[in-house]
Each structure stands twice: as C-alpha cells, then as structure tokens.
Amino acid sequence: MKTKTILVTGGVGFIGSHAAKKLIELGYDVVLVDNFNKYYDPKLKEARIKYLLGKLKFKLYRADICNFKELRKIFEENKIDLICHQAAQAGVRYSLENPFAYEEVNLKGTLNLLELAKDFKVEGFIFASSSSVYGANEKIPFSEDDVTDSPVSLYGATKKATELLVYSYHHMYGINATGLRYFTVYGPWGRPDMALFKFTKNILEDREIEVYGYGRMERDFTYIDDVVDGTIKAIEKNYSWEIFNLGYGKPQKLTYFIELIENYLGKKAKKNYLPMQLGDVRRTYADISKAKKMLNWKPKVPIEEGIRKFVDWYKEYYGI
C-alpha cells in the first residue's frame, strides 16, 4: 500500500511541528509549508527544525499559504493525500493591533487550500479551529452542539468563518473535513506570545507579569502531546464532516497556573493585576465526550506535569 503524503501547513509552528514529528515517526510522508513570518522570532522555528525535527525525513517549503501560485506549485510537485491545516494568524490580543493579518491568513489562506484540495482531489482536510469560536458562551462545558454565532474577538470570528468555509467545500465538493477546536495548548517549544512562555521569561528576569481579569480567569489548558494525539486520530479516522473539542476537560484558575510556574522555577512572580482585556473571555471549558467516543481519544497529561515539562524545556533551551 502506498504511503500517504500529508501536507502540514504552519509546519514549523508550535502545534504543526509537533504534529509533523509524530506523523513522520508513524511512517507518513510529510510535506511542511511555513512562511517564517515575524509574528514571533523565526529563530524559534529554525530551532524546532534543528532540534525537534532533527534527523527526521521531510520536505520543507518556505512559502506562504496566502500566495496561491506558490501553493499550487507545492501541490503540482507532490501528490498530497491529506491536509493537516495548522497555519493561522493566532492570538486574541494581536488581532486588536493588526486585524487584516487575520483576514489574510485565516480566511484567504484557508480558501486557497480548499481550492487546491478540490482541484487535486485531496482525501481529507483536517484543520485547526479554536475554543475562541465559543465566545462568551454561558453554557458550561462548551459542547460542539452549542451555537457559536457570537464570537467576542476577531480571532474567534475568523476561526468560526474558517469552519464555515471548510463546511461549504465539504458540502459542494464532497471533501472529507474535520475541524478541531483546540483549547489553550501549551508545552515545550510553545509560542512566545502565550502566557506560559511570557510568565516564565518574566519571572526569571525579575520582571512583572500581567495578570488579566485580576487573576479570576479560568482556562482549559491542554498539553501539546494530547492535542497532537487527538489530531493524528482525526487524520486517521478522516470523517466525512465532524467538529471536535480537544481540551483537557477541566478548567484551571489562572492563579493556580501561575503558582505552578513559581513552584517549578523556585521563584515568586511580581504580579500586576489588570482588568479583562478586550476580546478575552472569563472561562473556557471543553466537553470532550464526543472526541472520547468518536476518536477514542483521552488527554493524559495533567497541568502539574505539563508545566513542569515546559519549565524543564525552557531552562534547557535558554541554558538556565
């Protein structure tokens, strides 16, 4: 049987690089595309290639999914069987500063991929969505059946729009598609704009950390290995059309999250308590019963273990 070729967009991003590593280890042929943009230091992406993907065999294109011509060339040069679409302009806060980046990458980039998935008869389109689509959902926990028509951030709105774009292509052209609503993914090699990375860095450098919502916020933190496991299972199931929550299924208080970082660093944080930021939500909480049942998936890494692993990685990577 021919080995399947999987295109991973955002292939040297945080989730993309971890997913690529696992797919290669499972024996898939993997093609990565990433534009190495300046949203955060591209040196971290180069380091993921060197240390995380290391001696593994893969093809890498330094290309932009927003450039249709460039993207089409990749499909012409490789027989792509499945797409694992991780590329996105992420972050709720950055969307306040640069809204057009979200339109460009999350909408146009996804549309480019869908057009090529149709033209090149791709077997499956597994894509990253986000817990942000739930907005300020009052019903707890968040279930895939909940109405998601009231996003409270532009990022959440573009992720919801992505789901709708993909569904329309599934409906019109019969493309198998699965959307994965990730809940606050964290772990080694994570993004520097995320709380865990920023808090760790600032505590070590004796700088203040900004604690929004006066520390009363709760997040359903999900460890990277668990998210990758769910993503691979979705790729292998390749359902006709489904949406799944991938979260730990247990929200944690921001104060406890900070406490764990302090414990593992052996150092107290200087905290600057601030009100909720525009576009933020008080709590996220994933109902993961559907993913458990249909993907046979269950998260394994509790927050205490996950944060310890991140802190260990951070110290090693930065030589602390």
Protein backbone atom coordinates (compact mmCIF):
# COMPACT_ATOMS: atom_id res chain seq x y z
CA MET A 1 0.00 0.00 0.00
CA LYS A 2 1.30 3.44 -0.95
CA THR A 3 2.46 5.61 1.95
CA LYS A 4 0.15 8.57 2.35
CA THR A 5 1.56 12.07 1.89
CA ILE A 6 0.34 14.68 4.34
CA LEU A 7 0.75 18.41 3.87
CA VAL A 8 1.13 20.20 7.20
CA THR A 9 0.61 23.96 6.94
CA GLY A 10 2.22 26.06 9.65
CA GLY A 11 4.54 23.06 9.66
CA VAL A 12 7.20 24.55 11.91
CA GLY A 13 4.75 26.40 14.14
CA PHE A 14 4.08 25.14 17.65
CA ILE A 15 1.36 22.55 17.00
CA GLY A 16 2.36 21.96 13.38
CA SER A 17 5.94 20.93 14.18
CA HIS A 18 4.86 18.53 16.93
CA ALA A 19 2.18 17.01 14.67
CA ALA A 20 4.69 16.69 11.81
CA LYS A 21 7.19 14.89 14.07
CA LYS A 22 4.58 12.35 15.13
CA LEU A 23 3.30 11.81 11.58
CA ILE A 24 6.84 11.19 10.28
CA GLU A 25 7.50 8.74 13.14
CA LEU A 26 4.28 6.91 12.21
CA GLY A 27 5.60 6.43 8.68
CA TYR A 28 3.75 9.09 6.69
CA ASP A 29 5.48 11.14 4.01
CA VAL A 30 5.29 14.70 5.30
CA VAL A 31 5.46 17.97 3.39
CA LEU A 32 5.72 21.11 5.51
CA VAL A 33 4.85 24.63 4.45
CA ASP A 34 5.61 27.66 6.64
CA ASN A 35 6.24 31.31 5.86
CA PHE A 36 8.53 32.03 8.87
CA ASN A 37 6.79 35.37 9.45
CA LYS A 38 7.85 37.89 12.07
CA TYR A 39 4.88 37.44 14.44
CA TYR A 40 7.44 35.92 16.79
CA ASP A 41 11.17 35.38 16.41
CA PRO A 42 11.66 33.00 13.43
CA LYS A 43 14.78 31.68 15.23
CA LEU A 44 12.44 29.55 17.32
CA LYS A 45 11.07 27.96 14.15
CA GLU A 46 14.61 27.30 12.88
CA ALA A 47 15.38 25.68 16.26
CA ARG A 48 12.29 23.47 16.01
CA ILE A 49 13.58 22.23 12.65
CA LYS A 50 17.03 21.57 14.10
CA TYR A 51 16.17 20.04 17.47
CA LEU A 52 12.57 18.83 17.32
CA LEU A 53 12.50 17.50 13.75
CA GLY A 54 16.26 16.90 13.70
CA LYS A 55 17.24 13.88 11.65
CA LEU A 56 13.71 13.04 10.51
CA LYS A 57 12.93 12.92 6.80
CA PHE A 58 10.54 15.57 5.48
CA LYS A 59 10.16 18.15 2.75
CA LEU A 60 10.01 21.82 3.74
CA TYR A 61 8.71 24.69 1.64
CA ARG A 62 9.36 28.22 2.91
CA ALA A 63 6.19 29.52 1.35
CA ASP A 64 3.08 31.47 2.22
CA ILE A 65 -0.38 29.87 2.08
CA CYS A 66 -1.72 33.29 1.05
CA ASN A 67 0.26 33.05 -2.20
CA PHE A 68 -1.93 30.85 -4.40
CA LYS A 69 0.67 30.44 -7.15
CA GLU A 70 3.35 29.31 -4.69
CA LEU A 71 0.95 26.94 -3.01
CA ARG A 72 -0.26 25.42 -6.28
CA LYS A 73 3.34 24.60 -7.19
CA ILE A 74 3.63 22.52 -3.99
CA PHE A 75 0.55 20.51 -4.99
CA GLU A 76 1.94 20.03 -8.51
CA GLU A 77 5.27 18.77 -7.14
CA ASN A 78 3.77 16.40 -4.55
CA LYS A 79 0.83 14.00 -4.59
CA ILE A 80 -0.90 15.32 -1.46
CA ASP A 81 -3.34 12.79 0.03
CA LEU A 82 -4.36 14.69 3.17
CA ILE A 83 -4.03 18.22 4.51
CA CYS A 84 -3.38 18.98 8.18
CA HIS A 85 -4.06 22.72 8.20
CA GLN A 86 -2.39 24.36 11.22
CA ALA A 87 -1.29 27.66 9.70
CA ALA A 88 -3.12 30.66 11.14
CA GLN A 89 -2.62 34.10 12.50
CA ALA A 90 -3.09 33.31 16.16
CA GLY A 91 -3.63 35.38 19.28
CA VAL A 92 -6.60 37.37 20.55
CA ARG A 93 -4.59 40.43 21.62
CA TYR A 94 -2.65 40.88 18.39
CA SER A 95 -5.95 40.98 16.47
CA LEU A 96 -6.61 44.37 18.08
CA GLU A 97 -3.40 45.75 16.56
CA ASN A 98 -3.32 44.05 13.19
CA PRO A 99 -6.81 42.86 12.17
CA PHE A 100 -6.00 42.50 8.48
CA ALA A 101 -3.42 39.78 9.16
CA TYR A 102 -6.31 37.61 10.37
CA GLU A 103 -8.39 38.18 7.27
CA GLU A 104 -5.40 37.44 5.04
CA VAL A 105 -4.10 34.24 6.66
CA ASN A 106 -7.13 32.68 8.31
CA LEU A 107 -9.62 33.34 5.52
CA LYS A 108 -7.69 33.76 2.26
CA GLY A 109 -5.05 31.19 3.21
CA THR A 110 -7.71 28.61 4.08
CA LEU A 111 -9.66 29.36 0.90
CA ASN A 112 -6.50 28.83 -1.19
CA LEU A 113 -6.02 25.41 0.41
CA LEU A 114 -9.65 24.42 -0.11
CA GLU A 115 -9.49 25.33 -3.80
CA LEU A 116 -6.38 23.17 -4.18
CA ALA A 117 -7.91 20.35 -2.12
CA LYS A 118 -10.80 20.37 -4.61
CA ASP A 119 -8.59 20.63 -7.73
CA PHE A 120 -6.15 17.94 -6.61
CA LYS A 121 -8.79 15.56 -5.17
CA VAL A 122 -7.37 15.54 -1.65
CA GLU A 123 -8.84 12.76 0.52
CA GLY A 124 -9.15 14.69 3.77
CA PHE A 125 -8.88 18.18 5.22
CA ILE A 126 -8.16 18.21 8.97
CA PHE A 127 -7.95 21.76 10.28
CA ALA A 128 -7.25 23.72 13.45
CA SER A 129 -10.14 25.66 14.86
CA SER A 130 -10.24 27.14 18.36
CA SER A 131 -12.15 27.36 21.63
CA SER A 132 -12.42 31.08 20.72
CA VAL A 133 -15.39 30.25 18.48
CA TYR A 134 -17.49 29.79 21.65
CA GLY A 135 -17.07 33.47 22.56
CA ALA A 136 -18.57 34.30 25.94
CA ASN A 137 -20.69 31.13 25.91
CA GLU A 138 -22.68 30.93 29.17
CA LYS A 139 -23.35 27.20 28.91
CA ILE A 140 -20.68 25.12 30.62
CA PRO A 141 -18.93 22.96 29.49
CA PHE A 142 -18.69 24.05 25.83
CA SER A 143 -20.13 21.42 23.55
CA GLU A 144 -19.76 21.03 19.77
CA ASP A 145 -23.56 21.37 19.50
CA ASP A 146 -23.59 24.84 21.08
CA VAL A 147 -24.48 27.80 18.88
CA THR A 148 -21.26 29.68 18.04
CA ASP A 149 -22.66 32.81 16.45
CA SER A 150 -21.32 35.34 18.98
CA PRO A 151 -17.51 35.41 18.92
CA VAL A 152 -16.10 38.16 21.15
CA SER A 153 -12.77 38.55 19.32
CA LEU A 154 -11.78 38.97 15.68
CA TYR A 155 -9.56 35.90 16.04
CA GLY A 156 -12.59 33.85 17.17
CA ALA A 157 -14.67 35.28 14.32
CA THR A 158 -12.10 34.26 11.70
CA LYS A 159 -11.86 30.76 13.21
CA LYS A 160 -15.64 30.40 13.04
CA ALA A 161 -15.52 31.69 9.45
CA THR A 162 -12.88 29.06 8.69
CA GLU A 163 -15.24 26.33 9.89
CA LEU A 164 -17.98 27.70 7.60
CA LEU A 165 -15.66 27.95 4.59
CA VAL A 166 -14.49 24.37 5.05
CA TYR A 167 -18.06 23.10 5.52
CA SER A 168 -19.17 24.75 2.26
CA TYR A 169 -16.38 22.95 0.35
CA HIS A 170 -17.26 19.69 2.07
CA HIS A 171 -20.89 20.16 1.04
CA MET A 172 -20.24 21.24 -2.54
CA TYR A 173 -17.32 19.02 -3.48
CA GLY A 174 -17.54 16.10 -1.05
CA ILE A 175 -14.20 16.87 0.63
CA ASN A 176 -13.85 14.95 3.91
CA ALA A 177 -13.20 17.53 6.62
CA THR A 178 -12.67 17.59 10.38
CA GLY A 179 -12.38 20.74 12.48
CA LEU A 180 -10.50 20.58 15.78
CA ARG A 181 -11.35 23.19 18.38
CA TYR A 182 -8.16 23.40 20.41
CA PHE A 183 -8.33 24.67 24.00
CA THR A 184 -5.29 26.70 25.22
CA VAL A 185 -2.50 24.42 24.02
CA TYR A 186 0.79 24.65 25.93
CA GLY A 187 4.07 22.78 26.29
CA PRO A 188 7.73 22.69 25.16
CA TRP A 189 8.55 24.67 22.01
CA GLY A 190 5.40 26.79 22.59
CA ARG A 191 4.77 30.27 21.24
CA PRO A 192 6.50 33.19 23.00
CA ASP A 193 3.27 35.26 22.91
CA MET A 194 1.46 32.76 25.14
CA ALA A 195 1.02 33.19 28.91
CA LEU A 196 3.18 30.24 29.99
CA PHE A 197 6.16 31.40 27.93
CA LYS A 198 5.78 35.08 28.92
CA PHE A 199 5.27 34.34 32.61
CA THR A 200 8.27 32.01 32.78
CA LYS A 201 10.50 34.51 30.99
CA ASN A 202 9.42 37.49 33.11
CA ILE A 203 9.66 35.67 36.44
CA LEU A 204 13.20 34.54 35.61
CA GLU A 205 14.13 38.08 34.52
CA ASP A 206 12.60 39.68 37.65
CA ARG A 207 10.02 41.50 35.56
CA GLU A 208 6.33 41.97 36.32
CA ILE A 209 3.79 39.59 34.84
CA GLU A 210 0.46 40.99 33.66
CA VAL A 211 -2.42 39.07 35.25
CA TYR A 212 -5.63 39.89 33.39
CA GLY A 213 -9.12 39.58 34.83
CA TYR A 214 -7.50 40.21 38.24
CA GLY A 215 -6.45 36.54 38.21
CA ARG A 216 -10.04 35.27 38.21
CA MET A 217 -9.89 33.81 34.72
CA GLU A 218 -10.02 30.06 34.08
CA ARG A 219 -8.65 28.16 31.11
CA ASP A 220 -8.93 24.57 29.95
CA PHE A 221 -5.17 24.12 29.44
CA THR A 222 -4.31 21.24 27.10
CA TYR A 223 -0.83 19.72 26.80
CA ILE A 224 0.73 19.60 23.34
CA ASP A 225 1.19 15.79 23.22
CA ASP A 226 -2.51 15.27 23.96
CA VAL A 227 -3.52 17.72 21.23
CA VAL A 228 -1.21 16.01 18.72
CA ASP A 229 -2.63 12.61 19.67
CA GLY A 230 -6.17 13.89 19.00
CA THR A 231 -5.09 15.49 15.73
CA ILE A 232 -3.48 12.26 14.47
CA LYS A 233 -6.58 10.27 15.45
CA ALA A 234 -8.74 12.74 13.48
CA ILE A 235 -6.44 12.35 10.45
CA GLU A 236 -6.64 8.56 10.65
CA LYS A 237 -10.43 8.48 11.09
CA ASN A 238 -10.89 11.06 8.31
CA TYR A 239 -14.61 11.51 8.88
CA SER A 240 -16.84 12.95 6.18
CA TRP A 241 -17.60 16.04 8.33
CA GLU A 242 -17.09 16.49 12.07
CA ILE A 243 -16.09 19.10 14.63
CA PHE A 244 -14.32 18.03 17.85
CA ASN A 245 -13.27 19.80 21.03
CA LEU A 246 -9.72 18.92 22.05
CA GLY A 247 -9.28 20.14 25.63
CA TYR A 248 -8.27 18.60 28.93
CA GLY A 249 -11.87 18.88 30.12
CA LYS A 250 -11.00 20.58 33.38
CA PRO A 251 -10.59 24.36 33.64
CA GLN A 252 -7.83 25.69 35.91
CA LYS A 253 -7.68 29.04 37.67
CA LEU A 254 -5.05 31.42 36.32
CA THR A 255 -3.77 31.86 39.89
CA TYR A 256 -3.06 28.10 40.18
CA PHE A 257 -1.36 28.13 36.76
CA ILE A 258 0.97 30.92 37.99
CA GLU A 259 1.56 29.13 41.30
CA LEU A 260 2.78 26.02 39.46
CA ILE A 261 5.22 28.08 37.35
CA GLU A 262 6.54 29.76 40.53
CA ASN A 263 6.99 26.37 42.23
CA TYR A 264 8.95 24.85 39.34
CA LEU A 265 11.11 27.97 38.96
CA GLY A 266 11.58 28.26 42.73
CA LYS A 267 10.81 31.95 42.41
CA LYS A 268 7.87 34.23 43.13
CA ALA A 269 6.25 36.35 40.39
CA LYS A 270 5.80 40.11 40.65
CA LYS A 271 2.15 40.39 39.66
CA ASN A 272 0.41 43.34 38.05
CA TYR A 273 -3.34 42.66 38.30
CA LEU A 274 -5.30 44.14 35.40
CA PRO A 275 -8.92 44.09 34.19
CA MET A 276 -10.11 41.75 31.44
CA GLN A 277 -8.77 42.65 28.04
CA LEU A 278 -10.96 43.42 25.06
CA GLY A 279 -11.81 40.18 23.25
CA ASP A 280 -11.00 37.96 26.25
CA VAL A 281 -13.36 35.53 27.97
CA ARG A 282 -13.67 34.69 31.65
CA ARG A 283 -13.59 30.91 31.29
CA THR A 284 -13.12 28.10 28.77
CA TYR A 285 -14.19 24.54 29.48
CA ALA A 286 -14.33 21.74 26.90
CA ASP A 287 -16.89 18.98 26.83
CA ILE A 288 -14.68 16.23 25.37
CA SER A 289 -17.18 13.36 25.38
CA LYS A 290 -17.55 13.41 21.57
CA ALA A 291 -13.79 13.14 20.94
CA LYS A 292 -13.55 10.37 23.55
CA LYS A 293 -16.29 8.41 21.83
CA MET A 294 -15.62 9.03 18.12
CA LEU A 295 -11.82 9.47 18.12
CA ASN A 296 -11.14 7.10 21.01
CA TRP A 297 -9.10 9.96 22.45
CA LYS A 298 -8.41 10.88 26.03
CA PRO A 299 -5.99 13.55 27.32
CA LYS A 300 -3.34 12.10 29.62
CA VAL A 301 -1.11 14.94 30.82
CA PRO A 302 -2.32 16.90 33.87
CA ILE A 303 -1.35 20.56 34.18
CA GLU A 304 1.12 19.87 37.01
CA GLU A 305 3.16 17.54 34.77
CA GLY A 306 2.73 19.68 31.64
CA ILE A 307 4.03 22.88 33.22
CA ARG A 308 6.97 21.05 34.76
CA LYS A 309 7.89 19.72 31.30
CA PHE A 310 7.66 23.21 29.82
CA VAL A 311 9.84 24.77 32.55
CA ASP A 312 12.43 21.99 32.11
CA TRP A 313 12.48 22.61 28.35
CA TYR A 314 12.71 26.39 28.80
CA LYS A 315 15.69 26.14 31.16
CA GLU A 316 17.49 23.73 28.85
CA TYR A 317 16.75 25.71 25.67
CA TYR A 318 17.89 29.02 27.15
CA GLY A 319 20.77 27.47 29.09
CA ILE A 320 19.48 28.48 32.54
